N, C-alpha and C. Protein backbone atom coordinates (compact mmCIF):
# COMPACT_ATOMS: atom_id res chain seq x y z
N MET A 1 0.89 -1.01 -0.19
CA MET A 1 -0.01 -0.05 0.18
C MET A 1 1.00 1.41 0.26
N ASN A 2 0.70 2.52 -1.02
CA ASN A 2 1.25 3.25 -0.97
C ASN A 2 0.92 4.14 -0.20
N GLN A 3 2.17 4.93 0.31
CA GLN A 3 1.78 6.12 1.33
C GLN A 3 2.21 7.26 0.82
N PRO A 4 0.56 8.37 0.58
CA PRO A 4 0.51 9.41 -0.02
C PRO A 4 2.03 9.94 0.59
N LEU A 5 2.80 11.26 -0.06
CA LEU A 5 3.69 12.02 0.28
C LEU A 5 3.59 13.13 0.92
N PRO A 6 4.39 13.67 1.72
CA PRO A 6 3.77 14.64 2.58
C PRO A 6 3.78 16.13 1.41
N PRO A 7 3.15 16.95 1.69
CA PRO A 7 3.17 18.23 0.98
C PRO A 7 4.95 18.64 0.50
N SER A 8 5.49 18.38 1.61
CA SER A 8 7.23 18.96 0.90
C SER A 8 7.45 18.04 -0.05
N GLY A 9 6.92 16.89 0.01
CA GLY A 9 7.36 15.84 -1.15
C GLY A 9 8.84 15.13 -0.70
N GLU A 10 8.54 14.89 0.66
CA GLU A 10 9.95 14.03 1.06
C GLU A 10 8.82 12.68 1.19
N ALA A 11 9.97 11.64 1.80
CA ALA A 11 9.35 10.37 1.81
C ALA A 11 9.09 10.63 3.44
N PRO A 12 8.06 9.24 3.53
CA PRO A 12 7.46 9.39 5.34
C PRO A 12 8.42 9.25 6.09
N HIS A 13 9.53 8.01 5.30
CA HIS A 13 9.95 8.14 6.61
C HIS A 13 11.62 8.66 7.12
N ALA A 14 11.22 9.90 6.00
CA ALA A 14 12.40 11.28 6.07
C ALA A 14 12.92 11.83 7.16
N ALA A 15 13.71 12.06 8.01
CA ALA A 15 14.22 12.51 9.06
C ALA A 15 13.39 13.99 8.99
N ARG A 16 12.63 14.20 10.24
CA ARG A 16 11.99 15.68 10.27
C ARG A 16 12.68 16.43 11.11
N PRO A 17 12.75 17.99 10.97
CA PRO A 17 13.87 18.84 11.69
C PRO A 17 12.43 18.44 13.23
N PHE A 18 13.48 18.72 14.14
CA PHE A 18 12.46 18.93 15.48
C PHE A 18 11.95 20.47 15.74
N HIS A 19 11.15 20.56 16.03
CA HIS A 19 10.15 21.99 16.36
C HIS A 19 10.37 22.13 17.41
N ILE A 20 10.03 23.05 18.56
CA ILE A 20 9.78 23.36 19.71
C ILE A 20 8.24 22.79 20.16
N GLU A 21 7.11 23.61 19.11
CA GLU A 21 6.27 22.92 19.63
C GLU A 21 5.67 21.74 20.33
N GLU A 22 6.25 20.79 19.26
CA GLU A 22 6.01 19.09 19.68
C GLU A 22 6.67 19.01 21.08
N ALA A 23 7.77 19.50 21.60
CA ALA A 23 8.15 19.60 22.81
C ALA A 23 6.96 20.16 24.07
N ILE A 24 6.35 21.45 23.52
CA ILE A 24 5.81 22.13 24.40
C ILE A 24 4.14 21.09 24.33
N ALA A 25 4.06 20.85 23.59
CA ALA A 25 2.72 19.67 22.91
C ALA A 25 2.58 18.80 24.05
N ALA A 26 3.67 17.76 24.17
CA ALA A 26 4.39 16.79 24.99
C ALA A 26 4.20 16.88 26.75
N LEU A 27 4.76 18.06 26.91
CA LEU A 27 4.77 18.79 28.01
C LEU A 27 3.26 19.09 28.57
N ILE A 28 2.37 19.88 27.65
CA ILE A 28 1.32 20.47 28.12
C ILE A 28 0.64 19.18 28.57
N MET A 29 0.06 18.00 27.35
CA MET A 29 -0.35 16.76 27.38
C MET A 29 -0.42 16.08 28.88
N ALA A 30 1.30 16.15 29.11
CA ALA A 30 1.89 15.66 30.79
C ALA A 30 0.96 16.24 31.55
N LEU A 31 0.92 17.78 31.88
CA LEU A 31 0.64 18.54 32.97
C LEU A 31 -0.81 18.33 32.84
N LEU A 32 -1.41 18.32 31.76
CA LEU A 32 -3.00 18.19 31.66
C LEU A 32 -3.67 16.32 32.24
N CYS A 33 -2.80 15.66 31.80
CA CYS A 33 -2.75 14.53 32.50
C CYS A 33 -2.48 14.52 34.38
N LEU A 34 -1.54 14.84 34.55
CA LEU A 34 -1.29 14.88 35.74
C LEU A 34 -1.88 15.61 36.65
N ILE A 35 -2.63 16.64 36.25
CA ILE A 35 -3.63 17.23 36.96
C ILE A 35 -5.11 17.11 37.23
N THR A 36 -5.60 16.52 36.02
CA THR A 36 -6.34 15.93 36.35
C THR A 36 -6.56 14.50 37.07
N PHE A 37 -5.65 13.93 36.67
CA PHE A 37 -5.52 12.92 37.16
C PHE A 37 -5.34 13.14 39.29
N ALA A 38 -4.56 14.13 39.70
CA ALA A 38 -4.17 14.25 41.01
C ALA A 38 -5.91 15.12 41.13
N ASN A 39 -6.49 15.34 40.48
CA ASN A 39 -7.80 16.21 41.43
C ASN A 39 -8.82 14.86 41.44
N VAL A 40 -9.15 13.97 40.56
CA VAL A 40 -9.96 12.82 40.51
C VAL A 40 -9.77 12.19 41.79
N LEU A 41 -8.43 11.66 42.17
CA LEU A 41 -8.05 11.41 43.24
C LEU A 41 -8.22 12.00 44.49
N THR A 42 -7.89 13.31 44.57
CA THR A 42 -8.15 14.24 45.68
C THR A 42 -9.28 13.96 46.04
N ARG A 43 -10.58 14.50 44.90
CA ARG A 43 -11.88 14.32 45.32
C ARG A 43 -12.73 13.25 45.95
N TYR A 44 -12.03 12.16 45.16
CA TYR A 44 -12.69 10.53 45.10
C TYR A 44 -12.13 10.63 46.85
N PHE A 45 -10.91 10.31 47.38
CA PHE A 45 -10.53 10.35 48.53
C PHE A 45 -10.76 11.05 49.51
N THR A 46 -11.05 12.96 49.65
CA THR A 46 -11.24 13.50 50.56
C THR A 46 -12.46 14.29 50.32
N ASP A 47 -13.13 14.28 49.17
CA ASP A 47 -14.28 14.98 48.65
C ASP A 47 -14.35 16.22 48.74
N VAL A 48 -12.75 16.56 48.65
CA VAL A 48 -12.40 17.85 48.13
C VAL A 48 -12.00 18.25 46.91
N SER A 49 -12.26 19.04 46.09
CA SER A 49 -11.22 19.58 44.82
C SER A 49 -10.40 20.39 44.61
N PHE A 50 -9.02 20.15 44.03
CA PHE A 50 -8.13 21.42 43.88
C PHE A 50 -9.13 22.37 43.18
N ALA A 51 -8.90 23.87 43.69
CA ALA A 51 -9.81 25.06 42.67
C ALA A 51 -9.32 25.34 41.76
N PHE A 52 -7.58 24.94 41.36
CA PHE A 52 -7.11 26.10 40.58
C PHE A 52 -7.19 25.27 39.53
N THR A 53 -7.19 23.76 39.53
CA THR A 53 -7.31 22.77 38.10
C THR A 53 -8.29 23.13 37.02
N GLU A 54 -9.21 23.80 37.19
CA GLU A 54 -9.98 24.02 36.12
C GLU A 54 -9.65 25.25 35.24
N GLU A 55 -9.06 26.28 36.20
CA GLU A 55 -8.38 27.34 35.39
C GLU A 55 -7.25 27.11 34.98
N PHE A 56 -6.29 26.10 35.21
CA PHE A 56 -5.02 26.41 34.94
C PHE A 56 -5.05 25.08 33.46
N SER A 57 -6.13 23.74 34.00
CA SER A 57 -6.68 23.51 32.38
C SER A 57 -6.81 24.33 31.57
N VAL A 58 -7.82 25.19 32.01
CA VAL A 58 -8.24 25.96 30.45
C VAL A 58 -7.50 26.59 29.95
N PHE A 59 -6.38 27.18 30.87
CA PHE A 59 -5.03 27.74 30.29
C PHE A 59 -4.55 27.11 29.31
N LEU A 60 -3.67 25.57 29.69
CA LEU A 60 -3.50 24.57 29.14
C LEU A 60 -3.91 24.32 27.75
N VAL A 61 -5.23 24.25 27.63
CA VAL A 61 -5.87 24.04 26.24
C VAL A 61 -6.19 25.10 25.23
N VAL A 62 -6.09 26.17 25.59
CA VAL A 62 -5.79 27.30 25.08
C VAL A 62 -4.46 27.42 24.25
N VAL A 63 -3.24 27.25 25.09
CA VAL A 63 -1.68 26.98 24.71
C VAL A 63 -1.89 25.79 23.77
N MET A 64 -2.11 24.75 24.02
CA MET A 64 -2.27 23.65 23.44
C MET A 64 -2.88 23.60 21.67
N THR A 65 -3.99 24.62 21.93
CA THR A 65 -4.68 24.98 20.62
C THR A 65 -3.72 25.63 19.38
N PHE A 66 -3.40 26.91 20.23
CA PHE A 66 -2.03 27.45 19.42
C PHE A 66 -1.27 26.80 18.82
N VAL A 67 -0.65 26.30 19.76
CA VAL A 67 0.73 24.98 19.45
C VAL A 67 -0.03 24.05 18.36
N GLY A 68 -0.79 23.66 18.65
CA GLY A 68 -1.20 22.58 17.60
C GLY A 68 -1.35 23.27 16.28
N ALA A 69 -1.97 24.69 16.34
CA ALA A 69 -2.20 25.01 15.04
C ALA A 69 -0.73 25.39 14.30
N ALA A 70 0.43 25.80 14.93
CA ALA A 70 1.34 26.22 14.85
C ALA A 70 2.05 24.62 14.23
N THR A 71 1.80 23.59 14.62
CA THR A 71 2.34 22.43 14.35
C THR A 71 1.88 21.67 13.25
N ALA A 72 0.61 21.88 13.24
CA ALA A 72 -0.42 21.81 11.95
C ALA A 72 0.25 22.25 10.58
N PHE A 73 0.42 23.78 10.90
CA PHE A 73 0.99 24.76 9.46
C PHE A 73 2.34 24.18 9.67
N THR A 74 3.15 23.71 10.41
CA THR A 74 4.62 23.52 9.90
C THR A 74 4.62 22.14 8.95
N ARG A 75 3.68 21.12 9.46
CA ARG A 75 3.89 19.87 9.35
C ARG A 75 2.93 20.15 7.49
N GLY A 76 2.25 20.94 7.36
CA GLY A 76 1.19 21.14 6.37
C GLY A 76 0.31 20.10 6.58
N HIS A 77 -0.52 20.04 7.26
CA HIS A 77 -1.57 19.36 7.90
C HIS A 77 -2.95 19.92 8.50
N HIS A 78 -2.79 20.85 8.18
CA HIS A 78 -4.17 21.66 8.41
C HIS A 78 -5.04 21.54 7.67
N LEU A 79 -6.46 21.49 8.17
CA LEU A 79 -7.83 20.90 7.97
C LEU A 79 -7.68 21.75 6.73
N ALA A 80 -8.15 21.10 5.65
CA ALA A 80 -8.58 21.62 4.69
C ALA A 80 -9.49 20.71 3.53
N ILE A 81 -10.36 21.56 3.02
CA ILE A 81 -11.43 20.89 2.29
C ILE A 81 -10.87 21.45 0.70
N THR A 82 -11.02 20.53 -0.03
CA THR A 82 -9.74 20.73 -0.96
C THR A 82 -10.61 20.60 -2.46
N PHE A 83 -12.01 19.99 -2.29
CA PHE A 83 -12.80 19.61 -3.18
C PHE A 83 -12.98 20.92 -4.76
N LEU A 84 -13.19 21.36 -4.43
CA LEU A 84 -12.96 22.78 -5.66
C LEU A 84 -11.80 23.12 -6.32
N VAL A 85 -10.75 23.21 -5.21
CA VAL A 85 -9.66 23.23 -5.31
C VAL A 85 -8.69 22.37 -6.11
N ASP A 86 -9.22 21.14 -6.04
CA ASP A 86 -8.33 19.97 -6.90
C ASP A 86 -8.70 20.49 -8.43
N LYS A 87 -9.94 20.82 -8.54
CA LYS A 87 -10.47 20.83 -9.69
C LYS A 87 -9.68 22.04 -10.48
N LEU A 88 -9.31 22.61 -9.85
CA LEU A 88 -8.70 24.20 -10.59
C LEU A 88 -6.95 23.66 -11.04
N PRO A 89 -6.53 24.00 -12.26
CA PRO A 89 -5.61 24.04 -12.55
C PRO A 89 -4.09 24.57 -11.69
N ALA A 90 -2.78 24.06 -12.04
CA ALA A 90 -1.91 23.78 -11.13
C ALA A 90 -1.82 25.27 -10.60
N ARG A 91 -1.67 26.09 -11.77
CA ARG A 91 -1.64 27.79 -10.92
C ARG A 91 -2.44 28.08 -10.44
N GLY A 92 -3.88 28.04 -10.43
CA GLY A 92 -5.09 28.49 -10.19
C GLY A 92 -4.85 27.87 -8.39
N ARG A 93 -4.16 26.12 -7.80
CA ARG A 93 -4.27 25.84 -6.93
C ARG A 93 -3.45 26.68 -5.88
N ARG A 94 -1.89 27.11 -6.46
CA ARG A 94 -0.75 27.26 -6.10
C ARG A 94 -1.58 29.19 -5.61
N TRP A 95 -2.01 29.48 -6.37
CA TRP A 95 -2.99 31.03 -5.82
C TRP A 95 -3.97 30.66 -4.66
N GLN A 96 -4.33 29.93 -4.96
CA GLN A 96 -5.51 29.45 -3.87
C GLN A 96 -4.74 28.89 -2.44
N ARG A 97 -3.55 28.92 -2.39
CA ARG A 97 -2.93 27.90 -1.33
C ARG A 97 -2.20 29.34 -0.85
N ARG A 98 -1.99 30.43 -1.44
CA ARG A 98 -1.19 31.68 -1.31
C ARG A 98 -2.44 32.63 -0.51
N PHE A 99 -3.58 32.30 -1.26
CA PHE A 99 -4.85 33.33 -0.65
C PHE A 99 -5.20 32.79 0.50
N ALA A 100 -5.28 31.24 1.03
CA ALA A 100 -5.55 30.56 2.26
C ALA A 100 -4.10 30.88 3.44
N LEU A 101 -3.01 31.14 2.87
CA LEU A 101 -2.25 31.44 3.66
C LEU A 101 -2.21 32.80 4.09
N LEU A 102 -2.53 33.76 3.53
CA LEU A 102 -2.42 35.13 3.59
C LEU A 102 -3.85 35.38 4.67
N CYS A 103 -5.43 34.72 4.15
CA CYS A 103 -6.05 35.01 5.28
C CYS A 103 -5.37 34.24 6.65
N ALA A 104 -5.04 33.20 7.00
CA ALA A 104 -4.63 32.67 7.57
C ALA A 104 -3.66 33.84 8.87
N LEU A 105 -2.81 34.42 7.94
CA LEU A 105 -1.79 35.51 8.51
C LEU A 105 -2.66 36.67 9.08
N ILE A 106 -3.79 36.54 8.26
CA ILE A 106 -4.32 37.99 8.66
C ILE A 106 -5.30 37.84 10.18
N MET A 107 -5.90 36.61 10.19
CA MET A 107 -6.52 36.34 11.48
C MET A 107 -5.56 36.03 12.62
N PHE A 108 -4.41 35.66 12.45
CA PHE A 108 -3.37 35.22 13.49
C PHE A 108 -2.90 36.65 14.03
N GLY A 109 -2.70 37.63 13.05
CA GLY A 109 -2.62 39.09 12.88
C GLY A 109 -3.51 39.80 13.73
N VAL A 110 -5.01 39.94 13.80
CA VAL A 110 -5.75 40.29 14.33
C VAL A 110 -5.73 39.77 15.80
N LEU A 111 -5.58 38.27 15.96
CA LEU A 111 -5.29 37.70 17.35
C LEU A 111 -4.29 37.99 18.04
N LEU A 112 -3.07 38.60 17.47
CA LEU A 112 -2.21 39.24 17.94
C LEU A 112 -2.53 40.81 18.56
N TRP A 113 -2.83 41.18 17.69
CA TRP A 113 -3.34 42.39 18.38
C TRP A 113 -4.42 42.81 19.09
N TYR A 114 -5.55 42.13 19.05
CA TYR A 114 -6.27 42.30 20.10
C TYR A 114 -5.72 41.25 21.05
N GLY A 115 -5.00 40.09 21.08
CA GLY A 115 -4.66 39.71 22.15
C GLY A 115 -3.65 40.56 23.17
N GLY A 116 -3.50 41.32 22.66
CA GLY A 116 -1.91 42.03 22.79
C GLY A 116 -2.70 43.20 23.84
N LEU A 117 -3.95 44.05 23.24
CA LEU A 117 -5.05 44.79 23.77
C LEU A 117 -5.17 44.12 25.16
N MET A 118 -5.87 43.08 24.86
CA MET A 118 -6.61 42.61 26.03
C MET A 118 -5.81 42.52 27.29
N CYS A 119 -4.32 41.91 27.02
CA CYS A 119 -3.34 41.59 27.73
C CYS A 119 -2.88 42.47 28.74
N TRP A 120 -2.58 43.85 28.24
CA TRP A 120 -2.23 45.02 28.37
C TRP A 120 -3.60 45.54 29.33
N ASP A 121 -4.93 45.39 29.02
CA ASP A 121 -5.76 45.78 29.72
C ASP A 121 -6.06 44.76 31.07
N ASP A 122 -5.79 43.91 30.91
CA ASP A 122 -6.13 43.21 32.21
C ASP A 122 -4.71 43.80 33.20
N TYR A 123 -3.80 43.86 32.59
CA TYR A 123 -2.29 44.08 32.88
C TYR A 123 -2.62 45.25 34.14
N GLU A 124 -3.48 46.88 33.16
CA GLU A 124 -3.15 48.01 33.46
C GLU A 124 -4.43 48.02 34.63
N THR A 125 -5.66 47.21 34.30
CA THR A 125 -6.88 47.35 35.34
C THR A 125 -6.49 46.51 36.82
N GLU A 126 -5.03 45.59 36.70
CA GLU A 126 -4.78 44.58 37.57
C GLU A 126 -5.98 43.68 37.82
N VAL A 127 -6.38 43.03 37.28
CA VAL A 127 -7.66 41.57 36.99
C VAL A 127 -6.76 40.72 37.36
N THR A 128 -7.32 39.82 38.52
CA THR A 128 -7.38 38.80 39.11
C THR A 128 -7.94 37.39 38.52
N SER A 129 -7.21 36.59 38.69
CA SER A 129 -8.25 35.11 37.99
C SER A 129 -8.82 34.66 39.32
N PRO A 130 -10.01 34.18 39.22
CA PRO A 130 -11.02 33.54 40.19
C PRO A 130 -10.35 32.67 41.01
N GLY A 131 -9.87 31.60 40.30
CA GLY A 131 -8.95 30.53 40.82
C GLY A 131 -8.10 30.79 41.79
N LEU A 132 -7.02 31.30 41.20
CA LEU A 132 -5.93 31.04 42.24
C LEU A 132 -5.57 32.88 42.44
N GLY A 133 -6.19 33.50 41.93
CA GLY A 133 -5.86 35.05 42.31
C GLY A 133 -4.48 35.72 41.69
N VAL A 134 -4.65 35.01 41.07
CA VAL A 134 -2.93 35.67 40.02
C VAL A 134 -3.40 36.69 39.07
N PRO A 135 -2.30 37.50 38.63
CA PRO A 135 -2.83 38.37 37.40
C PRO A 135 -3.08 37.62 36.44
N GLN A 136 -4.56 38.23 35.97
CA GLN A 136 -4.82 37.81 34.90
C GLN A 136 -3.91 37.98 33.33
N TRP A 137 -3.36 38.63 33.50
CA TRP A 137 -2.53 38.99 32.36
C TRP A 137 -1.35 38.13 31.94
N TRP A 138 -0.86 37.17 33.07
CA TRP A 138 -0.48 36.04 32.89
C TRP A 138 -0.91 34.64 32.28
N TYR A 139 -2.13 34.72 32.55
CA TYR A 139 -2.80 33.79 31.30
C TYR A 139 -2.87 34.18 29.73
N THR A 140 -3.39 35.69 29.73
CA THR A 140 -3.89 36.28 28.41
C THR A 140 -2.72 36.45 27.72
N ILE A 141 -1.49 36.75 28.18
CA ILE A 141 -0.37 37.12 27.30
C ILE A 141 0.11 35.69 26.28
N SER A 142 -0.19 34.80 26.66
CA SER A 142 -0.36 33.59 25.82
C SER A 142 -0.80 33.68 24.49
N ILE A 143 -1.75 34.41 24.19
CA ILE A 143 -2.58 34.56 23.42
C ILE A 143 -1.76 35.50 22.08
N PRO A 144 -1.11 36.53 22.66
CA PRO A 144 -0.12 37.31 21.67
C PRO A 144 0.88 36.71 21.35
N VAL A 145 1.73 36.39 21.93
CA VAL A 145 2.97 35.40 22.23
C VAL A 145 2.63 33.68 20.97
N LEU A 146 1.92 33.59 20.92
CA LEU A 146 1.40 32.19 20.32
C LEU A 146 1.10 32.72 19.12
N SER A 147 0.45 33.71 19.20
CA SER A 147 -0.36 34.02 17.76
C SER A 147 1.17 33.89 16.78
N ALA A 148 2.11 34.93 17.55
CA ALA A 148 3.10 35.50 16.93
C ALA A 148 4.20 33.99 16.33
N LEU A 149 4.15 33.12 17.05
CA LEU A 149 4.40 31.88 17.04
C LEU A 149 3.81 31.35 15.63
N VAL A 150 2.37 31.49 15.53
CA VAL A 150 2.03 30.61 14.57
C VAL A 150 2.36 31.74 13.02
N ILE A 151 2.35 32.80 13.22
CA ILE A 151 2.61 33.79 12.25
C ILE A 151 4.28 33.38 11.76
N VAL A 152 4.88 33.18 12.59
CA VAL A 152 6.37 32.62 12.47
C VAL A 152 6.13 31.38 11.13
N ARG A 153 5.30 30.80 11.95
CA ARG A 153 5.29 29.37 11.13
C ARG A 153 4.69 29.43 9.82
N LEU A 154 3.57 30.30 9.80
CA LEU A 154 3.14 30.48 8.49
C LEU A 154 4.15 31.41 7.36
N LEU A 155 4.91 32.25 7.86
CA LEU A 155 5.80 32.82 6.95
C LEU A 155 6.57 31.98 6.80
N GLN A 156 7.23 31.15 7.10
CA GLN A 156 8.08 30.16 6.89
C GLN A 156 7.56 29.37 5.90
N LEU A 157 6.11 28.84 5.99
CA LEU A 157 5.72 27.68 4.89
C LEU A 157 5.49 28.47 3.46
N LEU A 158 5.04 29.75 3.82
CA LEU A 158 4.83 30.82 2.35
C LEU A 158 6.39 30.87 1.82
N LEU A 159 7.36 31.12 2.84
CA LEU A 159 8.46 31.36 1.99
C LEU A 159 8.98 30.19 1.79
N ARG A 160 8.54 28.87 2.24
CA ARG A 160 9.21 27.55 1.46
C ARG A 160 8.42 27.35 0.28
N ARG A 161 7.10 27.38 0.25
CA ARG A 161 6.37 27.24 -1.18
C ARG A 161 6.06 27.97 -2.17
N SER A 162 6.93 29.51 -2.09
CA SER A 162 7.18 30.41 -2.99
C SER A 162 8.89 30.33 -3.30
N ALA A 163 9.52 29.38 -3.13
CA ALA A 163 10.97 29.27 -3.53
C ALA A 163 11.06 28.03 -4.46
């Protein structure tokens, strides 16, 4: 059975370069499992719940979403519906891919901008988180930072495809 080649055209068994997103994703998954398991055990044996687990778990899931998006773009495995695009000639498909990347760049640019504004607002107004009481900007700073990571990966993909 033949395996389809990745978008880069390399063989499936070829060595892939390491990306920091993969290590971050593994760490986040381990933390989520540990926190959830500890909360379940604590709740089962003591009828008390760790208050911070939901707040921290939601933060980790948000981070995981951005890290996953960056990884998917890096590998060229982002969700795509290509029924109509596949019917275009090669030049049309190339332009459509560039247009899709441009749309993604705009979206993550908007997230970067408004995430930065939200983070600054949380910092300026000294909003604290409900569960732990830490400054809320500790959580919201992840949105502009990780949006910038996705933008870097999108630009790398755009440069790689235009070369």
